[in-house]
Amino acid sequence: MSEQLQEVLQEAKKLRGELGSAAYHQIVTSLYQKAETTAQQAVRKAARRDWDRRIDDILTSRVFGYPIMLLLLAGVFWLTIQGANYPSALLSNLLFGLEEHLI
């Protein structure tokens, strides 16, 4: 490495020892504050839709949320049972149809 770079690194090590971790935390905090300010100036948030928020409030409320989730669970359970009847009936017809040919 070049001689200048070595001098800079030695000076940085010396200052790190003198300043301690408080200076490091202050520098990092300052950097994050500047990044946050820059992001707030650069990013424009779109207005949130009211209906989306209403649905979210209803589904996550204690009064309506649990009953709605239980109804959805019951619906999925019912659909699973009802949906299993069709393949079961198809398989049953196929196997009983083969029985006649085997006997």
PDB file of N, CA and C in Angstrom:
ATOM      1  N   MET A   1       0.839  -1.179   0.000  1.00  0.00           N
ATOM      2  CA  MET A   1       0.000   0.000   0.000  1.00  0.00           C
ATOM      3  C   MET A   1       0.882   1.238   0.000  1.00  0.00           C
ATOM      4  N   SER A   2       0.278   2.312  -0.429  1.00  0.00           N
ATOM      5  CA  SER A   2       1.068   3.537  -0.498  1.00  0.00           C
ATOM      6  C   SER A   2       1.322   4.088   0.906  1.00  0.00           C
ATOM      7  N   GLU A   3       2.305   4.912   0.976  1.00  0.00           N
ATOM      8  CA  GLU A   3       2.707   5.474   2.261  1.00  0.00           C
ATOM      9  C   GLU A   3       1.638   6.411   2.825  1.00  0.00           C
ATOM     10  N   GLN A   4       0.970   7.153   1.934  1.00  0.00           N
ATOM     11  CA  GLN A   4      -0.093   8.065   2.380  1.00  0.00           C
ATOM     12  C   GLN A   4      -1.260   7.287   2.989  1.00  0.00           C
ATOM     13  N   LEU A   5      -1.604   6.188   2.352  1.00  0.00           N
ATOM     14  CA  LEU A   5      -2.709   5.374   2.842  1.00  0.00           C
ATOM     15  C   LEU A   5      -2.377   4.797   4.212  1.00  0.00           C
ATOM     16  N   GLN A   6      -1.155   4.372   4.393  1.00  0.00           N
ATOM     17  CA  GLN A   6      -0.722   3.850   5.689  1.00  0.00           C
ATOM     18  C   GLN A   6      -0.845   4.921   6.778  1.00  0.00           C
ATOM     19  N   GLU A   7      -0.466   6.148   6.442  1.00  0.00           N
ATOM     20  CA  GLU A   7      -0.555   7.245   7.407  1.00  0.00           C
ATOM     21  C   GLU A   7      -2.008   7.528   7.779  1.00  0.00           C
ATOM     22  N   VAL A   8      -2.883   7.511   6.786  1.00  0.00           N
ATOM     23  CA  VAL A   8      -4.308   7.764   7.033  1.00  0.00           C
ATOM     24  C   VAL A   8      -4.888   6.669   7.916  1.00  0.00           C
ATOM     25  N   LEU A   9      -4.541   5.415   7.643  1.00  0.00           N
ATOM     26  CA  LEU A   9      -5.039   4.306   8.451  1.00  0.00           C
ATOM     27  C   LEU A   9      -4.538   4.395   9.891  1.00  0.00           C
ATOM     28  N   GLN A  10      -3.288   4.758  10.077  1.00  0.00           N
ATOM     29  CA  GLN A  10      -2.747   4.906  11.426  1.00  0.00           C
ATOM     30  C   GLN A  10      -3.449   6.036  12.174  1.00  0.00           C
ATOM     31  N   GLU A  11      -3.709   7.138  11.476  1.00  0.00           N
ATOM     32  CA  GLU A  11      -4.415   8.266  12.093  1.00  0.00           C
ATOM     33  C   GLU A  11      -5.840   7.868  12.472  1.00  0.00           C
ATOM     34  N   ALA A  12      -6.493   7.072  11.604  1.00  0.00           N
ATOM     35  CA  ALA A  12      -7.857   6.617  11.892  1.00  0.00           C
ATOM     36  C   ALA A  12      -7.872   5.717  13.125  1.00  0.00           C
ATOM     37  N   LYS A  13      -6.905   4.817  13.235  1.00  0.00           N
ATOM     38  CA  LYS A  13      -6.824   3.945  14.409  1.00  0.00           C
ATOM     39  C   LYS A  13      -6.597   4.761  15.678  1.00  0.00           C
ATOM     40  N   LYS A  14      -5.756   5.759  15.581  1.00  0.00           N
ATOM     41  CA  LYS A  14      -5.452   6.612  16.728  1.00  0.00           C
ATOM     42  C   LYS A  14      -6.706   7.369  17.170  1.00  0.00           C
ATOM     43  N   LEU A  15      -7.433   7.939  16.206  1.00  0.00           N
ATOM     44  CA  LEU A  15      -8.649   8.690  16.538  1.00  0.00           C
ATOM     45  C   LEU A  15      -9.747   7.774  17.082  1.00  0.00           C
ATOM     46  N   ARG A  16      -9.836   6.570  16.558  1.00  0.00           N
ATOM     47  CA  ARG A  16     -10.834   5.620  17.044  1.00  0.00           C
ATOM     48  C   ARG A  16     -10.595   5.322  18.520  1.00  0.00           C
ATOM     49  N   GLY A  17      -9.357   5.166  18.888  1.00  0.00           N
ATOM     50  CA  GLY A  17      -9.035   4.904  20.288  1.00  0.00           C
ATOM     51  C   GLY A  17      -9.321   6.100  21.179  1.00  0.00           C
ATOM     52  N   GLU A  18      -9.073   7.311  20.677  1.00  0.00           N
ATOM     53  CA  GLU A  18      -9.290   8.515  21.474  1.00  0.00           C
ATOM     54  C   GLU A  18     -10.772   8.841  21.635  1.00  0.00           C
ATOM     55  N   LEU A  19     -11.541   8.707  20.553  1.00  0.00           N
ATOM     56  CA  LEU A  19     -12.946   9.123  20.584  1.00  0.00           C
ATOM     57  C   LEU A  19     -13.861   8.081  21.214  1.00  0.00           C
ATOM     58  N   GLY A  20     -13.555   6.829  21.066  1.00  0.00           N
ATOM     59  CA  GLY A  20     -14.370   5.775  21.657  1.00  0.00           C
ATOM     60  C   GLY A  20     -15.635   5.503  20.860  1.00  0.00           C
ATOM     61  N   SER A  21     -16.519   4.710  21.476  1.00  0.00           N
ATOM     62  CA  SER A  21     -17.722   4.273  20.764  1.00  0.00           C
ATOM     63  C   SER A  21     -18.800   5.346  20.719  1.00  0.00           C
ATOM     64  N   ALA A  22     -18.743   6.338  21.602  1.00  0.00           N
ATOM     65  CA  ALA A  22     -19.764   7.391  21.614  1.00  0.00           C
ATOM     66  C   ALA A  22     -19.748   8.168  20.298  1.00  0.00           C
ATOM     67  N   ALA A  23     -18.570   8.466  19.803  1.00  0.00           N
ATOM     68  CA  ALA A  23     -18.465   9.196  18.539  1.00  0.00           C
ATOM     69  C   ALA A  23     -18.989   8.345  17.385  1.00  0.00           C
ATOM     70  N   TYR A  24     -18.705   7.058  17.426  1.00  0.00           N
ATOM     71  CA  TYR A  24     -19.194   6.152  16.380  1.00  0.00           C
ATOM     72  C   TYR A  24     -20.716   6.159  16.350  1.00  0.00           C
ATOM     73  N   HIS A  25     -21.329   6.043  17.520  1.00  0.00           N
ATOM     74  CA  HIS A  25     -22.790   6.031  17.585  1.00  0.00           C
ATOM     75  C   HIS A  25     -23.376   7.359  17.125  1.00  0.00           C
ATOM     76  N   GLN A  26     -22.721   8.440  17.442  1.00  0.00           N
ATOM     77  CA  GLN A  26     -23.201   9.754  17.021  1.00  0.00           C
ATOM     78  C   GLN A  26     -23.114   9.892  15.498  1.00  0.00           C
ATOM     79  N   ILE A  27     -22.050   9.408  14.906  1.00  0.00           N
ATOM     80  CA  ILE A  27     -21.894   9.470  13.450  1.00  0.00           C
ATOM     81  C   ILE A  27     -22.944   8.611  12.766  1.00  0.00           C
ATOM     82  N   VAL A  28     -23.153   7.410  13.262  1.00  0.00           N
ATOM     83  CA  VAL A  28     -24.143   6.508  12.668  1.00  0.00           C
ATOM     84  C   VAL A  28     -25.546   7.088  12.799  1.00  0.00           C
ATOM     85  N   THR A  29     -25.861   7.654  13.964  1.00  0.00           N
ATOM     86  CA  THR A  29     -27.173   8.269  14.167  1.00  0.00           C
ATOM     87  C   THR A  29     -27.377   9.421  13.196  1.00  0.00           C
ATOM     88  N   SER A  30     -26.359  10.214  13.015  1.00  0.00           N
ATOM     89  CA  SER A  30     -26.440  11.336  12.078  1.00  0.00           C
ATOM     90  C   SER A  30     -26.664  10.847  10.650  1.00  0.00           C
ATOM     91  N   LEU A  31     -25.961   9.795  10.267  1.00  0.00           N
ATOM     92  CA  LEU A  31     -26.131   9.245   8.917  1.00  0.00           C
ATOM     93  C   LEU A  31     -27.550   8.724   8.704  1.00  0.00           C
ATOM     94  N   TYR A  32     -28.084   8.031   9.694  1.00  0.00           N
ATOM     95  CA  TYR A  32     -29.446   7.504   9.567  1.00  0.00           C
ATOM     96  C   TYR A  32     -30.479   8.625   9.515  1.00  0.00           C
ATOM     97  N   GLN A  33     -30.267   9.689  10.278  1.00  0.00           N
ATOM     98  CA  GLN A  33     -31.192  10.820  10.238  1.00  0.00           C
ATOM     99  C   GLN A  33     -31.174  11.487   8.866  1.00  0.00           C
ATOM    100  N   LYS A  34     -29.995  11.639   8.296  1.00  0.00           N
ATOM    101  CA  LYS A  34     -29.898  12.234   6.957  1.00  0.00           C
ATOM    102  C   LYS A  34     -30.532  11.328   5.912  1.00  0.00           C
ATOM    103  N   ALA A  35     -30.341  10.023   6.042  1.00  0.00           N
ATOM    104  CA  ALA A  35     -30.950   9.084   5.099  1.00  0.00           C
ATOM    105  C   ALA A  35     -32.467   9.121   5.213  1.00  0.00           C
ATOM    106  N   GLU A  36     -32.981   9.221   6.433  1.00  0.00           N
ATOM    107  CA  GLU A  36     -34.431   9.287   6.631  1.00  0.00           C
ATOM    108  C   GLU A  36     -35.004  10.565   6.023  1.00  0.00           C
ATOM    109  N   THR A  37     -34.331  11.683   6.231  1.00  0.00           N
ATOM    110  CA  THR A  37     -34.786  12.950   5.657  1.00  0.00           C
ATOM    111  C   THR A  37     -34.783  12.890   4.138  1.00  0.00           C
ATOM    112  N   THR A  38     -33.738  12.342   3.570  1.00  0.00           N
ATOM    113  CA  THR A  38     -33.650  12.213   2.114  1.00  0.00           C
ATOM    114  C   THR A  38     -34.748  11.311   1.578  1.00  0.00           C
ATOM    115  N   ALA A  39     -35.001  10.211   2.258  1.00  0.00           N
ATOM    116  CA  ALA A  39     -36.045   9.285   1.817  1.00  0.00           C
ATOM    117  C   ALA A  39     -37.422   9.937   1.896  1.00  0.00           C
ATOM    118  N   GLN A  40     -37.679  10.709   2.949  1.00  0.00           N
ATOM    119  CA  GLN A  40     -38.972  11.376   3.069  1.00  0.00           C
ATOM    120  C   GLN A  40     -39.174  12.401   1.965  1.00  0.00           C
ATOM    121  N   GLN A  41     -38.113  13.054   1.549  1.00  0.00           N
ATOM    122  CA  GLN A  41     -38.219  14.035   0.473  1.00  0.00           C
ATOM    123  C   GLN A  41     -38.372  13.368  -0.886  1.00  0.00           C
ATOM    124  N   ALA A  42     -37.763  12.217  -1.063  1.00  0.00           N
ATOM    125  CA  ALA A  42     -37.747  11.572  -2.378  1.00  0.00           C
ATOM    126  C   ALA A  42     -38.953  10.680  -2.630  1.00  0.00           C
ATOM    127  N   VAL A  43     -39.477  10.040  -1.603  1.00  0.00           N
ATOM    128  CA  VAL A  43     -40.542   9.055  -1.783  1.00  0.00           C
ATOM    129  C   VAL A  43     -41.892   9.702  -1.525  1.00  0.00           C
ATOM    130  N   ARG A  44     -42.784   9.492  -2.465  1.00  0.00           N
ATOM    131  CA  ARG A  44     -44.153   9.976  -2.313  1.00  0.00           C
ATOM    132  C   ARG A  44     -45.055   8.780  -2.093  1.00  0.00           C
ATOM    133  N   LYS A  45     -45.741   8.753  -0.972  1.00  0.00           N
ATOM    134  CA  LYS A  45     -46.638   7.643  -0.676  1.00  0.00           C
ATOM    135  C   LYS A  45     -48.000   7.924  -1.288  1.00  0.00           C
ATOM    136  N   ALA A  46     -48.536   6.900  -1.931  1.00  0.00           N
ATOM    137  CA  ALA A  46     -49.875   7.024  -2.499  1.00  0.00           C
ATOM    138  C   ALA A  46     -50.898   6.978  -1.366  1.00  0.00           C
ATOM    139  N   ALA A  47     -51.991   7.674  -1.574  1.00  0.00           N
ATOM    140  CA  ALA A  47     -53.046   7.666  -0.563  1.00  0.00           C
ATOM    141  C   ALA A  47     -53.623   6.261  -0.443  1.00  0.00           C
ATOM    142  N   ARG A  48     -53.792   5.817   0.784  1.00  0.00           N
ATOM    143  CA  ARG A  48     -54.309   4.472   1.006  1.00  0.00           C
ATOM    144  C   ARG A  48     -55.811   4.466   0.781  1.00  0.00           C
ATOM    145  N   ARG A  49     -56.285   3.397   0.176  1.00  0.00           N
ATOM    146  CA  ARG A  49     -57.715   3.289  -0.102  1.00  0.00           C
ATOM    147  C   ARG A  49     -58.489   3.074   1.187  1.00  0.00           C
ATOM    148  N   ASP A  50     -59.623   3.745   1.300  1.00  0.00           N
ATOM    149  CA  ASP A  50     -60.433   3.630   2.510  1.00  0.00           C
ATOM    150  C   ASP A  50     -61.061   2.251   2.648  1.00  0.00           C
ATOM    151  N   TRP A  51     -61.522   1.677   1.534  1.00  0.00           N
ATOM    152  CA  TRP A  51     -62.189   0.374   1.624  1.00  0.00           C
ATOM    153  C   TRP A  51     -61.214  -0.699   2.073  1.00  0.00           C
ATOM    154  N   ASP A  52     -59.978  -0.577   1.683  1.00  0.00           N
ATOM    155  CA  ASP A  52     -58.961  -1.536   2.098  1.00  0.00           C
ATOM    156  C   ASP A  52     -58.762  -1.472   3.615  1.00  0.00           C
ATOM    157  N   ARG A  53     -58.718  -0.288   4.131  1.00  0.00           N
ATOM    158  CA  ARG A  53     -58.547  -0.107   5.572  1.00  0.00           C
ATOM    159  C   ARG A  53     -59.771  -0.606   6.335  1.00  0.00           C
ATOM    160  N   ARG A  54     -60.958  -0.355   5.799  1.00  0.00           N
ATOM    161  CA  ARG A  54     -62.181  -0.822   6.462  1.00  0.00           C
ATOM    162  C   ARG A  54     -62.221  -2.345   6.531  1.00  0.00           C
ATOM    163  N   ILE A  55     -61.904  -2.993   5.415  1.00  0.00           N
ATOM    164  CA  ILE A  55     -61.892  -4.461   5.402  1.00  0.00           C
ATOM    165  C   ILE A  55     -60.873  -4.988   6.406  1.00  0.00           C
ATOM    166  N   ASP A  56     -59.712  -4.374   6.437  1.00  0.00           N
ATOM    167  CA  ASP A  56     -58.675  -4.793   7.375  1.00  0.00           C
ATOM    168  C   ASP A  56     -59.132  -4.610   8.816  1.00  0.00           C
ATOM    169  N   ASP A  57     -59.769  -3.492   9.109  1.00  0.00           N
ATOM    170  CA  ASP A  57     -60.263  -3.251  10.467  1.00  0.00           C
ATOM    171  C   ASP A  57     -61.320  -4.268  10.872  1.00  0.00           C
ATOM    172  N   ILE A  58     -62.200  -4.619   9.946  1.00  0.00           N
ATOM    173  CA  ILE A  58     -63.255  -5.591  10.256  1.00  0.00           C
ATOM    174  C   ILE A  58     -62.665  -6.979  10.485  1.00  0.00           C
ATOM    175  N   LEU A  59     -61.771  -7.403   9.590  1.00  0.00           N
ATOM    176  CA  LEU A  59     -61.219  -8.755   9.686  1.00  0.00           C
ATOM    177  C   LEU A  59     -60.279  -8.939  10.871  1.00  0.00           C
ATOM    178  N   THR A  60     -59.701  -7.864  11.351  1.00  0.00           N
ATOM    179  CA  THR A  60     -58.769  -7.988  12.472  1.00  0.00           C
ATOM    180  C   THR A  60     -59.371  -7.550  13.802  1.00  0.00           C
ATOM    181  N   SER A  61     -60.646  -7.178  13.804  1.00  0.00           N
ATOM    182  CA  SER A  61     -61.266  -6.769  15.064  1.00  0.00           C
ATOM    183  C   SER A  61     -61.561  -7.995  15.923  1.00  0.00           C
ATOM    184  N   ARG A  62     -61.652  -7.794  17.220  1.00  0.00           N
ATOM    185  CA  ARG A  62     -61.933  -8.908  18.123  1.00  0.00           C
ATOM    186  C   ARG A  62     -63.377  -9.361  18.006  1.00  0.00           C
ATOM    187  N   VAL A  63     -64.265  -8.429  17.706  1.00  0.00           N
ATOM    188  CA  VAL A  63     -65.688  -8.761  17.659  1.00  0.00           C
ATOM    189  C   VAL A  63     -66.028  -9.554  16.399  1.00  0.00           C
ATOM    190  N   PHE A  64     -65.575  -9.085  15.245  1.00  0.00           N
ATOM    191  CA  PHE A  64     -65.940  -9.720  13.980  1.00  0.00           C
ATOM    192  C   PHE A  64     -64.858 -10.646  13.434  1.00  0.00           C
ATOM    193  N   GLY A  65     -63.618 -10.425  13.821  1.00  0.00           N
ATOM    194  CA  GLY A  65     -62.508 -11.187  13.251  1.00  0.00           C
ATOM    195  C   GLY A  65     -62.577 -12.672  13.526  1.00  0.00           C
ATOM    196  N   TYR A  66     -62.777 -13.051  14.789  1.00  0.00           N
ATOM    197  CA  TYR A  66     -62.823 -14.470  15.143  1.00  0.00           C
ATOM    198  C   TYR A  66     -63.990 -15.199  14.486  1.00  0.00           C
ATOM    199  N   PRO A  67     -65.210 -14.655  14.536  1.00  0.00           N
ATOM    200  CA  PRO A  67     -66.308 -15.366  13.859  1.00  0.00           C
ATOM    201  C   PRO A  67     -66.093 -15.506  12.352  1.00  0.00           C
ATOM    202  N   ILE A  68     -65.564 -14.473  11.717  1.00  0.00           N
ATOM    203  CA  ILE A  68     -65.326 -14.552  10.273  1.00  0.00           C
ATOM    204  C   ILE A  68     -64.276 -15.613   9.971  1.00  0.00           C
ATOM    205  N   MET A  69     -63.203 -15.647  10.752  1.00  0.00           N
ATOM    206  CA  MET A  69     -62.162 -16.647  10.524  1.00  0.00           C
ATOM    207  C   MET A  69     -62.680 -18.061  10.784  1.00  0.00           C
ATOM    208  N   LEU A  70     -63.528 -18.226  11.802  1.00  0.00           N
ATOM    209  CA  LEU A  70     -64.110 -19.544  12.069  1.00  0.00           C
ATOM    210  C   LEU A  70     -65.045 -19.967  10.941  1.00  0.00           C
ATOM    211  N   LEU A  71     -65.817 -19.022  10.394  1.00  0.00           N
ATOM    212  CA  LEU A  71     -66.678 -19.336   9.251  1.00  0.00           C
ATOM    213  C   LEU A  71     -65.849 -19.732   8.032  1.00  0.00           C
ATOM    214  N   LEU A  72     -64.753 -19.021   7.796  1.00  0.00           N
ATOM    215  CA  LEU A  72     -63.873 -19.385   6.682  1.00  0.00           C
ATOM    216  C   LEU A  72     -63.267 -20.771   6.890  1.00  0.00           C
ATOM    217  N   LEU A  73     -62.864 -21.071   8.106  1.00  0.00           N
ATOM    218  CA  LEU A  73     -62.313 -22.389   8.408  1.00  0.00           C
ATOM    219  C   LEU A  73     -63.360 -23.470   8.193  1.00  0.00           C
ATOM    220  N   ALA A  74     -64.593 -23.213   8.651  1.00  0.00           N
ATOM    221  CA  ALA A  74     -65.679 -24.177   8.452  1.00  0.00           C
ATOM    222  C   ALA A  74     -65.976 -24.350   6.965  1.00  0.00           C
ATOM    223  N   GLY A  75     -65.919 -23.254   6.205  1.00  0.00           N
ATOM    224  CA  GLY A  75     -66.143 -23.337   4.761  1.00  0.00           C
ATOM    225  C   GLY A  75     -65.093 -24.185   4.064  1.00  0.00           C
ATOM    226  N   VAL A  76     -63.846 -24.004   4.434  1.00  0.00           N
ATOM    227  CA  VAL A  76     -62.771 -24.801   3.840  1.00  0.00           C
ATOM    228  C   VAL A  76     -62.921 -26.264   4.236  1.00  0.00           C
ATOM    229  N   PHE A  77     -63.279 -26.518   5.486  1.00  0.00           N
ATOM    230  CA  PHE A  77     -63.496 -27.884   5.956  1.00  0.00           C
ATOM    231  C   PHE A  77     -64.639 -28.548   5.188  1.00  0.00           C
ATOM    232  N   TRP A  78     -65.759 -27.834   5.031  1.00  0.00           N
ATOM    233  CA  TRP A  78     -66.909 -28.355   4.288  1.00  0.00           C
ATOM    234  C   TRP A  78     -66.535 -28.630   2.829  1.00  0.00           C
ATOM    235  N   LEU A  79     -65.815 -27.686   2.219  1.00  0.00           N
ATOM    236  CA  LEU A  79     -65.402 -27.852   0.822  1.00  0.00           C
ATOM    237  C   LEU A  79     -64.479 -29.056   0.667  1.00  0.00           C
ATOM    238  N   THR A  80     -63.619 -29.295   1.637  1.00  0.00           N
ATOM    239  CA  THR A  80     -62.729 -30.450   1.593  1.00  0.00           C
ATOM    240  C   THR A  80     -63.524 -31.748   1.641  1.00  0.00           C
ATOM    241  N   ILE A  81     -64.503 -31.807   2.528  1.00  0.00           N
ATOM    242  CA  ILE A  81     -65.314 -33.026   2.647  1.00  0.00           C
ATOM    243  C   ILE A  81     -66.164 -33.232   1.397  1.00  0.00           C
ATOM    244  N   GLN A  82     -66.831 -32.173   0.947  1.00  0.00           N
ATOM    245  CA  GLN A  82     -67.678 -32.281  -0.241  1.00  0.00           C
ATOM    246  C   GLN A  82     -66.843 -32.566  -1.488  1.00  0.00           C
ATOM    247  N   GLY A  83     -65.694 -31.939  -1.580  1.00  0.00           N
ATOM    248  CA  GLY A  83     -64.835 -32.136  -2.740  1.00  0.00           C
ATOM    249  C   GLY A  83     -64.268 -33.538  -2.811  1.00  0.00           C
ATOM    250  N   ALA A  84     -64.120 -34.193  -1.669  1.00  0.00           N
ATOM    251  CA  ALA A  84     -63.591 -35.557  -1.646  1.00  0.00           C
ATOM    252  C   ALA A  84     -64.633 -36.561  -2.120  1.00  0.00           C
ATOM    253  N   ASN A  85     -65.908 -36.222  -2.082  1.00  0.00           N
ATOM    254  CA  ASN A  85     -66.962 -37.147  -2.501  1.00  0.00           C
ATOM    255  C   ASN A  85     -66.897 -37.445  -3.998  1.00  0.00           C
ATOM    256  N   TYR A  86     -66.558 -36.477  -4.813  1.00  0.00           N
ATOM    257  CA  TYR A  86     -66.548 -36.686  -6.262  1.00  0.00           C
ATOM    258  C   TYR A  86     -65.457 -37.664  -6.706  1.00  0.00           C
ATOM    259  N   PRO A  87     -64.207 -37.480  -6.313  1.00  0.00           N
ATOM    260  CA  PRO A  87     -63.202 -38.481  -6.691  1.00  0.00           C
ATOM    261  C   PRO A  87     -63.489 -39.850  -6.077  1.00  0.00           C
ATOM    262  N   SER A  88     -64.033 -39.859  -4.851  1.00  0.00           N
ATOM    263  CA  SER A  88     -64.361 -41.123  -4.204  1.00  0.00           C
ATOM    264  C   SER A  88     -65.444 -41.865  -4.978  1.00  0.00           C
ATOM    265  N   ALA A  89     -66.476 -41.154  -5.417  1.00  0.00           N
ATOM    266  CA  ALA A  89     -67.550 -41.780  -6.192  1.00  0.00           C
ATOM    267  C   ALA A  89     -67.018 -42.276  -7.536  1.00  0.00           C
ATOM    268  N   LEU A  90     -66.156 -41.511  -8.169  1.00  0.00           N
ATOM    269  CA  LEU A  90     -65.573 -41.909  -9.450  1.00  0.00           C
ATOM    270  C   LEU A  90     -64.741 -43.179  -9.288  1.00  0.00           C
ATOM    271  N   LEU A  91     -63.929 -43.235  -8.258  1.00  0.00           N
ATOM    272  CA  LEU A  91     -63.105 -44.406  -7.996  1.00  0.00           C
ATOM    273  C   LEU A  91     -63.968 -45.619  -7.650  1.00  0.00           C
ATOM    274  N   SER A  92     -65.015 -45.399  -6.870  1.00  0.00           N
ATOM    275  CA  SER A  92     -65.928 -46.478  -6.508  1.00  0.00           C
ATOM    276  C   SER A  92     -66.605 -47.057  -7.750  1.00  0.00           C
ATOM    277  N   ASN A  93     -67.109 -46.204  -8.624  1.00  0.00           N
ATOM    278  CA  ASN A  93     -67.750 -46.675  -9.858  1.00  0.00           C
ATOM    279  C   ASN A  93     -66.768 -47.451 -10.732  1.00  0.00           C
ATOM    280  N   LEU A  94     -65.539 -46.978 -10.813  1.00  0.00           N
ATOM    281  CA  LEU A  94     -64.527 -47.647 -11.621  1.00  0.00           C
ATOM    282  C   LEU A  94     -64.228 -49.039 -11.063  1.00  0.00           C
ATOM    283  N   LEU A  95     -64.014 -49.131  -9.755  1.00  0.00           N
ATOM    284  CA  LEU A  95     -63.660 -50.418  -9.158  1.00  0.00           C
ATOM    285  C   LEU A  95     -64.825 -51.400  -9.188  1.00  0.00           C
ATOM    286  N   PHE A  96     -66.049 -50.926  -8.908  1.00  0.00           N
ATOM    287  CA  PHE A  96     -67.198 -51.828  -8.972  1.00  0.00           C
ATOM    288  C   PHE A  96     -67.507 -52.217 -10.413  1.00  0.00           C
ATOM    289  N   GLY A  97     -67.175 -51.363 -11.367  1.00  0.00           N
ATOM    290  CA  GLY A  97     -67.325 -51.716 -12.779  1.00  0.00           C
ATOM    291  C   GLY A  97     -66.342 -52.802 -13.184  1.00  0.00           C
ATOM    292  N   LEU A  98     -65.140 -52.751 -12.641  1.00  0.00           N
ATOM    293  CA  LEU A  98     -64.142 -53.783 -12.925  1.00  0.00           C
ATOM    294  C   LEU A  98     -64.512 -55.109 -12.261  1.00  0.00           C
ATOM    295  N   GLU A  99     -65.242 -55.050 -11.160  1.00  0.00           N
ATOM    296  CA  GLU A  99     -65.623 -56.257 -10.440  1.00  0.00           C
ATOM    297  C   GLU A  99     -66.480 -57.170 -11.327  1.00  0.00           C
ATOM    298  N   GLU A 100     -67.373 -56.588 -12.100  1.00  0.00           N
ATOM    299  CA  GLU A 100     -68.245 -57.387 -12.972  1.00  0.00           C
ATOM    300  C   GLU A 100     -67.437 -58.135 -14.024  1.00  0.00           C
ATOM    301  N   HIS A 101     -66.385 -57.494 -14.526  1.00  0.00           N
ATOM    302  CA  HIS A 101     -65.558 -58.139 -15.548  1.00  0.00           C
ATOM    303  C   HIS A 101     -64.652 -59.220 -14.956  1.00  0.00           C
ATOM    304  N   LEU A 102     -64.315 -59.100 -13.679  1.00  0.00           N
ATOM    305  CA  LEU A 102     -63.432 -60.076 -13.048  1.00  0.00           C
ATOM    306  C   LEU A 102     -64.170 -61.338 -12.614  1.00  0.00           C
ATOM    307  N   ILE A 103     -65.452 -61.232 -12.341  1.00  0.00           N
ATOM    308  CA  ILE A 103     -66.213 -62.391 -11.847  1.00  0.00           C
ATOM    309  C   ILE A 103     -66.739 -63.220 -12.966  1.00  0.00           C
TER     310      ILE A 103
END
